[in-house]
Amino acid sequence: MENISIEYVWLDGHDTQNLRSKIKVLYTNNLKLKLEDVPEWNFDGSSTKQAPGDDSECLLSPVRLYSFTIGHHYVLCEVLNSDGTPHVSNSRATLRDLEDNFNEAGFWWGFEQEYFITKDKSPIGFPETGYPDPQGKYYCSVGGSNAIGRDIATRHLYNCLNLGIKLTGINAEVAPSQWEYQCFAEDTLKACDDLWMSRYFLLKAAEKEGLDIDFSPKPVKGDWNGSGCHTNFSTRDMRDRGGYNLFNDIMENMGENHDKHISEYGKDNNQRLTGEHETQKIDTFSWGIADRGASVRVPSSVPKSDWCGYLEDRRPASNCDPYRVAKAIVETSLFLR
């Protein structure tokens, strides 16, 4: 018999959820592991804000398998109560309730995940006192004093690609040690699963260097861009049928449900959505063609293609839960509320 290790990954019960993990070793002759071969497991929910101490057991239900080598695997899990029902923190289960809707509509998703690389809770590249040179030279930059942390960003890209997570690119962002990667999938649940797991692999890449990743929407106060998770989405109708009226109707419904969206788009987002630094104010909804200061941007390619294509919702914060973001967008763009 051979031994294989499986890294179980799940989301905890904090308001802004954290990723947790632990490893199970299996002794088996089946080295080509499939999702259905991964056993359900459990954990101490009293240590993750998901259960009281006198009834602490929560279940880990495997939902997505990522294999890097034959001997080691990663599995994303939904958290269940001890009776097998979805835990209140399990937002994936809530999104699954709309599975028929988003599958029939043919949603595609592209998440633009921004983040800062930090050491001792401070972005690397920022002096202990004072500030580095102001924004302007860091975006898509090159050089050790500009593109700070490139090794981690690049290693993360290739790790994700090897694990079947479709990253479509990376770039240095507008502040020192701020980076972005783009995560794409044509399946709604996989898109959200992949974003959470890509965050997990990014945290592990930084951990290896004694560093950390800050996903908060405004890590550096003052005249510096915050971090978002701009969410690009389209339905089959948007891509194939299109038309100005379809896009305008979606925008009108988004405007009417703006407050509901903001409530699902991440904690402390008010610190980022100020109307400055390529954002719209948090209490205002707007949309525009090629407008990165709007709540929702219409790419310039859309009107040029007879209003066929996708939209970019620029409101989600970098610490957002993609399951909650996707649910809000599905409901609004399909006029389910």
Protein backbone atom coordinates (compact mmCIF):
# COMPACT_ATOMS: atom_id res chain seq x y z
CA MET A 1 0.00 0.00 0.00
CA GLU A 2 1.08 3.55 -0.73
CA ASN A 3 0.36 6.63 1.35
CA ILE A 4 -1.17 9.77 -0.11
CA SER A 5 -1.89 13.03 1.68
CA ILE A 6 -5.03 15.11 1.25
CA GLU A 7 -5.14 18.72 2.37
CA TYR A 8 -8.70 19.58 3.43
CA VAL A 9 -9.50 23.29 3.00
CA TRP A 10 -12.57 25.11 4.31
CA LEU A 11 -13.91 28.53 5.31
CA ASP A 12 -14.31 29.46 8.97
CA GLY A 13 -17.08 31.37 10.75
CA HIS A 14 -15.57 34.86 11.01
CA ASP A 15 -17.44 37.80 9.46
CA THR A 16 -14.71 37.99 6.84
CA GLN A 17 -14.02 34.31 6.45
CA ASN A 18 -10.54 32.86 6.72
CA LEU A 19 -9.23 29.75 5.03
CA ARG A 20 -8.43 26.79 7.29
CA SER A 21 -6.82 23.46 6.47
CA LYS A 22 -5.55 20.18 7.84
CA ILE A 23 -4.02 17.08 6.28
CA LYS A 24 -5.26 13.49 6.26
CA VAL A 25 -2.98 10.64 5.20
CA LEU A 26 -4.62 7.70 3.42
CA TYR A 27 -3.05 4.30 2.86
CA THR A 28 -4.36 2.94 -0.41
CA ASN A 29 -3.51 1.23 -3.68
CA ASN A 30 -5.64 3.81 -5.52
CA LEU A 31 -3.16 6.55 -6.41
CA LYS A 32 -5.45 8.14 -9.02
CA LEU A 33 -7.69 9.80 -6.48
CA LYS A 34 -11.12 11.10 -7.54
CA LEU A 35 -13.41 13.41 -5.58
CA GLU A 36 -15.75 10.55 -4.70
CA ASP A 37 -12.81 8.71 -3.13
CA VAL A 38 -12.16 11.49 -0.60
CA PRO A 39 -13.81 10.66 2.73
CA GLU A 40 -15.88 13.11 4.70
CA TRP A 41 -14.01 14.42 7.75
CA ASN A 42 -14.68 16.66 10.73
CA PHE A 43 -13.06 19.44 12.76
CA ASP A 44 -13.41 21.38 16.00
CA GLY A 45 -15.87 24.14 15.13
CA SER A 46 -15.46 25.76 18.54
CA SER A 47 -11.99 26.88 17.40
CA THR A 48 -13.25 28.47 14.16
CA LYS A 49 -16.37 30.35 15.40
CA GLN A 50 -18.62 27.65 13.95
CA ALA A 51 -19.78 25.69 17.00
CA PRO A 52 -20.03 25.85 20.81
CA GLY A 53 -17.59 23.86 22.91
CA ASP A 54 -20.21 21.42 24.17
CA ASP A 55 -21.27 20.47 20.61
CA SER A 56 -18.15 21.29 18.66
CA GLU A 57 -18.07 18.85 15.76
CA CYS A 58 -18.56 20.23 12.24
CA LEU A 59 -18.34 18.10 9.12
CA LEU A 60 -16.15 18.63 6.06
CA SER A 61 -17.91 17.61 2.85
CA PRO A 62 -15.49 17.44 -0.13
CA VAL A 63 -16.74 19.39 -3.18
CA ARG A 64 -13.71 20.14 -5.41
CA LEU A 65 -10.44 18.22 -5.84
CA TYR A 66 -7.13 19.77 -6.92
CA SER A 67 -4.22 17.44 -7.62
CA PHE A 68 -0.64 18.67 -7.93
CA THR A 69 1.22 15.37 -7.76
CA ILE A 70 0.13 11.75 -7.50
CA GLY A 71 0.93 11.68 -3.80
CA HIS A 72 -0.59 14.97 -2.62
CA HIS A 73 -4.04 16.45 -3.19
CA TYR A 74 -6.07 19.43 -2.04
CA VAL A 75 -9.80 19.28 -1.51
CA LEU A 76 -12.13 22.22 -0.96
CA CYS A 77 -14.91 21.36 1.46
CA GLU A 78 -18.29 22.71 2.42
CA VAL A 79 -18.91 22.95 6.17
CA LEU A 80 -21.93 21.01 7.43
CA ASN A 81 -23.58 20.72 10.81
CA SER A 82 -23.28 17.39 12.60
CA ASP A 83 -26.68 16.39 11.17
CA GLY A 84 -25.44 16.92 7.61
CA THR A 85 -27.27 20.19 6.90
CA PRO A 86 -25.33 23.21 5.58
CA HIS A 87 -23.71 25.31 8.29
CA VAL A 88 -24.90 28.92 8.53
CA SER A 89 -21.42 30.03 7.36
CA ASN A 90 -21.70 27.87 4.22
CA SER A 91 -22.46 30.48 1.54
CA ARG A 92 -21.59 27.99 -1.19
CA ALA A 93 -24.69 26.00 -0.32
CA THR A 94 -26.79 29.15 -0.64
CA LEU A 95 -25.37 29.81 -4.11
CA ARG A 96 -26.05 26.17 -5.04
CA ASP A 97 -29.76 26.88 -4.56
CA LEU A 98 -29.56 28.92 -7.79
CA GLU A 99 -27.67 26.23 -9.73
CA ASP A 100 -30.47 25.60 -12.23
CA ASN A 101 -30.73 29.34 -12.90
CA PHE A 102 -27.06 30.10 -13.51
CA ASN A 103 -26.45 26.89 -15.47
CA GLU A 104 -29.38 27.54 -17.79
CA ALA A 105 -28.28 31.16 -18.29
CA GLY A 106 -24.72 30.09 -19.17
CA PHE A 107 -22.78 32.42 -16.88
CA TRP A 108 -19.06 33.04 -17.37
CA TRP A 109 -16.97 34.68 -14.65
CA GLY A 110 -13.66 36.49 -14.36
CA PHE A 111 -12.48 37.67 -10.94
CA GLU A 112 -9.70 40.29 -10.77
CA GLN A 113 -8.14 39.65 -7.36
CA GLU A 114 -5.97 42.47 -5.95
CA TYR A 115 -3.82 42.03 -2.86
CA PHE A 116 -0.78 43.37 -0.97
CA ILE A 117 2.24 41.29 0.06
CA THR A 118 3.08 42.13 3.68
CA LYS A 119 5.60 41.49 6.44
CA ASP A 120 4.68 42.13 10.07
CA LYS A 121 1.33 43.53 8.81
CA SER A 122 3.02 46.22 6.71
CA PRO A 123 3.27 46.07 2.88
CA ILE A 124 6.78 45.22 1.79
CA GLY A 125 8.41 48.17 0.07
CA PHE A 126 6.99 50.66 2.56
CA PRO A 127 9.63 52.13 4.92
CA GLU A 128 9.18 51.77 8.68
CA THR A 129 8.69 55.53 8.80
CA GLY A 130 7.31 57.63 5.96
CA TYR A 131 6.21 56.47 2.54
CA PRO A 132 7.83 55.28 -0.69
CA ASP A 133 7.59 57.30 -3.89
CA PRO A 134 3.93 58.06 -4.70
CA GLN A 135 1.76 56.10 -7.09
CA GLY A 136 2.56 56.43 -10.75
CA LYS A 137 5.48 54.14 -11.56
CA TYR A 138 4.43 50.83 -10.03
CA TYR A 139 1.57 49.68 -12.29
CA CYS A 140 2.79 46.92 -14.67
CA SER A 141 6.32 47.97 -13.71
CA VAL A 142 9.70 46.27 -13.79
CA GLY A 143 12.70 46.58 -11.48
CA GLY A 144 13.45 45.70 -7.88
CA SER A 145 12.31 49.02 -6.45
CA ASN A 146 9.04 48.99 -8.42
CA ALA A 147 7.75 45.45 -9.00
CA ILE A 148 8.15 44.29 -5.42
CA GLY A 149 7.23 40.66 -4.77
CA ARG A 150 7.25 39.43 -8.36
CA ASP A 151 8.66 36.00 -7.39
CA ILE A 152 5.65 35.24 -5.21
CA ALA A 153 3.14 36.50 -7.79
CA THR A 154 4.77 34.48 -10.58
CA ARG A 155 5.18 31.30 -8.54
CA HIS A 156 1.52 31.55 -7.57
CA LEU A 157 0.50 31.86 -11.23
CA TYR A 158 2.22 28.64 -12.27
CA ASN A 159 1.11 26.73 -9.19
CA CYS A 160 -2.52 27.56 -9.97
CA LEU A 161 -2.16 26.63 -13.63
CA ASN A 162 -0.64 23.27 -12.65
CA LEU A 163 -3.61 22.63 -10.36
CA GLY A 164 -6.22 23.31 -13.04
CA ILE A 165 -7.14 26.83 -11.91
CA LYS A 166 -7.44 28.99 -15.01
CA LEU A 167 -5.58 32.19 -14.23
CA THR A 168 -5.55 34.36 -17.34
CA GLY A 169 -2.85 36.79 -16.20
CA ILE A 170 -1.09 38.73 -13.46
CA ASN A 171 0.25 42.27 -13.16
CA ALA A 172 1.86 44.61 -10.68
CA GLU A 173 -0.69 47.12 -9.43
CA VAL A 174 -0.49 50.84 -8.65
CA ALA A 175 1.12 50.63 -5.19
CA PRO A 176 4.36 48.98 -4.03
CA SER A 177 3.86 45.24 -3.32
CA GLN A 178 0.30 45.38 -4.66
CA TRP A 179 -0.49 42.75 -7.29
CA GLU A 180 -3.45 41.40 -9.21
CA TYR A 181 -4.31 38.12 -10.86
CA GLN A 182 -7.29 37.23 -13.01
CA CYS A 183 -9.20 34.00 -12.39
CA PHE A 184 -11.65 32.73 -15.05
CA ALA A 185 -14.15 29.88 -15.36
CA GLU A 186 -17.21 29.11 -17.45
CA ASP A 187 -18.86 27.34 -14.50
CA THR A 188 -20.26 29.43 -11.65
CA LEU A 189 -19.41 27.15 -8.73
CA LYS A 190 -15.98 26.32 -10.14
CA ALA A 191 -15.23 30.03 -10.64
CA CYS A 192 -15.94 30.74 -6.98
CA ASP A 193 -14.22 27.57 -5.75
CA ASP A 194 -11.14 28.40 -7.82
CA LEU A 195 -10.96 31.93 -6.45
CA TRP A 196 -11.03 30.71 -2.86
CA MET A 197 -8.43 28.04 -3.57
CA SER A 198 -6.24 30.47 -5.51
CA ARG A 199 -6.24 32.67 -2.40
CA TYR A 200 -5.23 29.64 -0.35
CA PHE A 201 -2.31 28.85 -2.64
CA LEU A 202 -1.24 32.51 -2.62
CA LEU A 203 -1.19 32.56 1.18
CA LYS A 204 0.93 29.39 1.16
CA ALA A 205 3.36 30.86 -1.37
CA ALA A 206 3.84 33.91 0.87
CA GLU A 207 4.08 31.74 3.99
CA LYS A 208 7.03 29.92 2.45
CA GLU A 209 8.93 33.24 2.34
CA GLY A 210 7.92 34.30 5.86
CA LEU A 211 5.48 36.83 4.38
CA ASP A 212 1.73 37.26 4.35
CA ILE A 213 -1.06 38.43 2.04
CA ASP A 214 -3.40 41.29 2.90
CA PHE A 215 -6.80 41.02 1.20
CA SER A 216 -8.35 43.98 3.04
CA PRO A 217 -9.82 46.72 0.80
CA LYS A 218 -7.69 49.61 2.10
CA PRO A 219 -4.44 48.41 3.72
CA VAL A 220 -2.64 51.74 3.21
CA LYS A 221 -4.53 54.89 4.15
CA GLY A 222 -4.14 58.12 2.23
CA ASP A 223 -3.45 58.71 -1.46
CA TRP A 224 -3.07 55.04 -2.41
CA ASN A 225 -5.44 52.78 -4.29
CA GLY A 226 -7.30 50.19 -2.29
CA SER A 227 -7.73 46.56 -3.35
CA GLY A 228 -10.79 45.25 -5.11
CA CYS A 229 -12.04 42.04 -6.64
CA HIS A 230 -13.58 43.40 -9.82
CA THR A 231 -16.05 40.82 -11.07
CA ASN A 232 -16.51 40.33 -14.80
CA PHE A 233 -19.58 38.35 -15.80
CA SER A 234 -21.75 37.49 -18.76
CA THR A 235 -24.69 35.30 -19.64
CA ARG A 236 -25.22 33.48 -22.91
CA ASP A 237 -27.74 36.16 -23.91
CA MET A 238 -25.27 38.94 -23.16
CA ARG A 239 -22.60 37.27 -25.29
CA ASP A 240 -24.73 36.05 -28.21
CA ARG A 241 -27.95 38.08 -28.44
CA GLY A 242 -26.90 41.28 -26.72
CA GLY A 243 -28.47 44.62 -27.52
CA TYR A 244 -28.44 47.94 -25.71
CA ASN A 245 -31.83 47.30 -24.11
CA LEU A 246 -30.63 44.09 -22.45
CA PHE A 247 -27.58 45.78 -20.94
CA ASN A 248 -29.57 48.86 -19.92
CA ASP A 249 -32.21 46.72 -18.19
CA ILE A 250 -29.50 44.90 -16.22
CA MET A 251 -27.96 48.24 -15.20
CA GLU A 252 -31.30 49.63 -14.07
CA ASN A 253 -31.93 46.55 -11.94
CA MET A 254 -28.41 46.77 -10.49
CA GLY A 255 -29.03 50.39 -9.56
CA GLU A 256 -32.30 49.49 -7.83
CA ASN A 257 -30.51 46.75 -5.85
CA HIS A 258 -27.29 48.68 -5.21
CA ASP A 259 -27.55 48.60 -1.41
CA LYS A 260 -28.20 44.84 -1.43
CA HIS A 261 -25.10 44.31 -3.54
CA ILE A 262 -22.92 46.49 -1.32
CA SER A 263 -24.04 44.49 1.73
CA GLU A 264 -22.66 41.33 0.06
CA TYR A 265 -19.45 42.78 -1.37
CA GLY A 266 -17.02 42.68 1.55
CA LYS A 267 -16.28 44.23 4.94
CA ASP A 268 -14.78 47.76 5.23
CA ASN A 269 -15.50 48.42 1.56
CA ASN A 270 -16.48 51.98 2.51
CA GLN A 271 -12.77 52.69 3.04
CA ARG A 272 -12.11 51.86 -0.63
CA LEU A 273 -15.28 53.08 -2.38
CA THR A 274 -14.73 56.80 -1.79
CA GLY A 275 -15.22 58.15 -5.30
CA GLU A 276 -11.45 58.47 -5.69
CA HIS A 277 -8.70 56.08 -6.82
CA GLU A 278 -10.72 54.54 -9.64
CA THR A 279 -13.89 53.98 -7.60
CA GLN A 280 -17.42 55.32 -7.34
CA LYS A 281 -18.77 56.42 -3.95
CA ILE A 282 -20.24 53.57 -1.94
CA ASP A 283 -23.70 55.18 -1.71
CA THR A 284 -23.91 55.96 -5.44
CA PHE A 285 -24.57 53.69 -8.40
CA SER A 286 -23.32 54.59 -11.86
CA TRP A 287 -22.27 52.87 -15.04
CA GLY A 288 -20.35 53.96 -18.09
CA ILE A 289 -18.43 52.82 -21.13
CA ALA A 290 -14.72 52.35 -20.31
CA ASP A 291 -15.34 54.24 -17.04
CA ARG A 292 -13.18 52.90 -14.22
CA GLY A 293 -14.68 55.45 -11.86
CA ALA A 294 -18.13 53.89 -12.24
CA SER A 295 -19.78 51.20 -10.16
CA VAL A 296 -20.06 49.02 -13.27
CA ARG A 297 -17.87 49.42 -16.33
CA VAL A 298 -19.04 48.55 -19.83
CA PRO A 299 -15.92 47.53 -21.80
CA SER A 300 -15.50 49.61 -24.95
CA SER A 301 -15.63 46.37 -26.95
CA VAL A 302 -19.30 45.87 -26.06
CA PRO A 303 -20.90 48.75 -28.01
CA LYS A 304 -18.46 48.06 -30.84
CA SER A 305 -19.84 44.51 -30.99
CA ASP A 306 -23.51 45.53 -31.29
CA TRP A 307 -23.78 45.44 -27.49
CA CYS A 308 -22.64 41.86 -27.08
CA GLY A 309 -20.15 40.92 -24.36
CA TYR A 310 -19.70 41.23 -20.62
CA LEU A 311 -19.80 43.68 -17.71
CA GLU A 312 -17.30 44.51 -14.99
CA ASP A 313 -18.76 45.09 -11.54
CA ARG A 314 -16.07 47.17 -9.84
CA ARG A 315 -17.74 47.30 -6.42
CA PRO A 316 -16.66 43.98 -4.78
CA ALA A 317 -13.83 44.39 -2.28
CA SER A 318 -10.69 42.28 -2.34
CA ASN A 319 -11.89 40.39 0.77
CA CYS A 320 -15.31 39.56 -0.69
CA ASP A 321 -16.85 36.11 -0.61
CA PRO A 322 -17.25 35.16 -4.30
CA TYR A 323 -20.21 32.89 -3.50
CA ARG A 324 -22.13 35.87 -2.12
CA VAL A 325 -21.01 38.13 -4.96
CA ALA A 326 -22.06 35.62 -7.61
CA LYS A 327 -25.42 35.04 -5.94
CA ALA A 328 -26.17 38.78 -5.90
CA ILE A 329 -25.19 39.21 -9.55
CA VAL A 330 -27.15 36.14 -10.71
CA GLU A 331 -30.28 37.31 -8.92
CA THR A 332 -30.03 40.86 -10.26
CA SER A 333 -28.96 40.14 -13.84
CA LEU A 334 -31.64 37.43 -14.21
CA PHE A 335 -34.27 39.64 -12.53
CA LEU A 336 -34.89 37.08 -9.78
CA ARG A 337 -35.58 39.83 -7.23
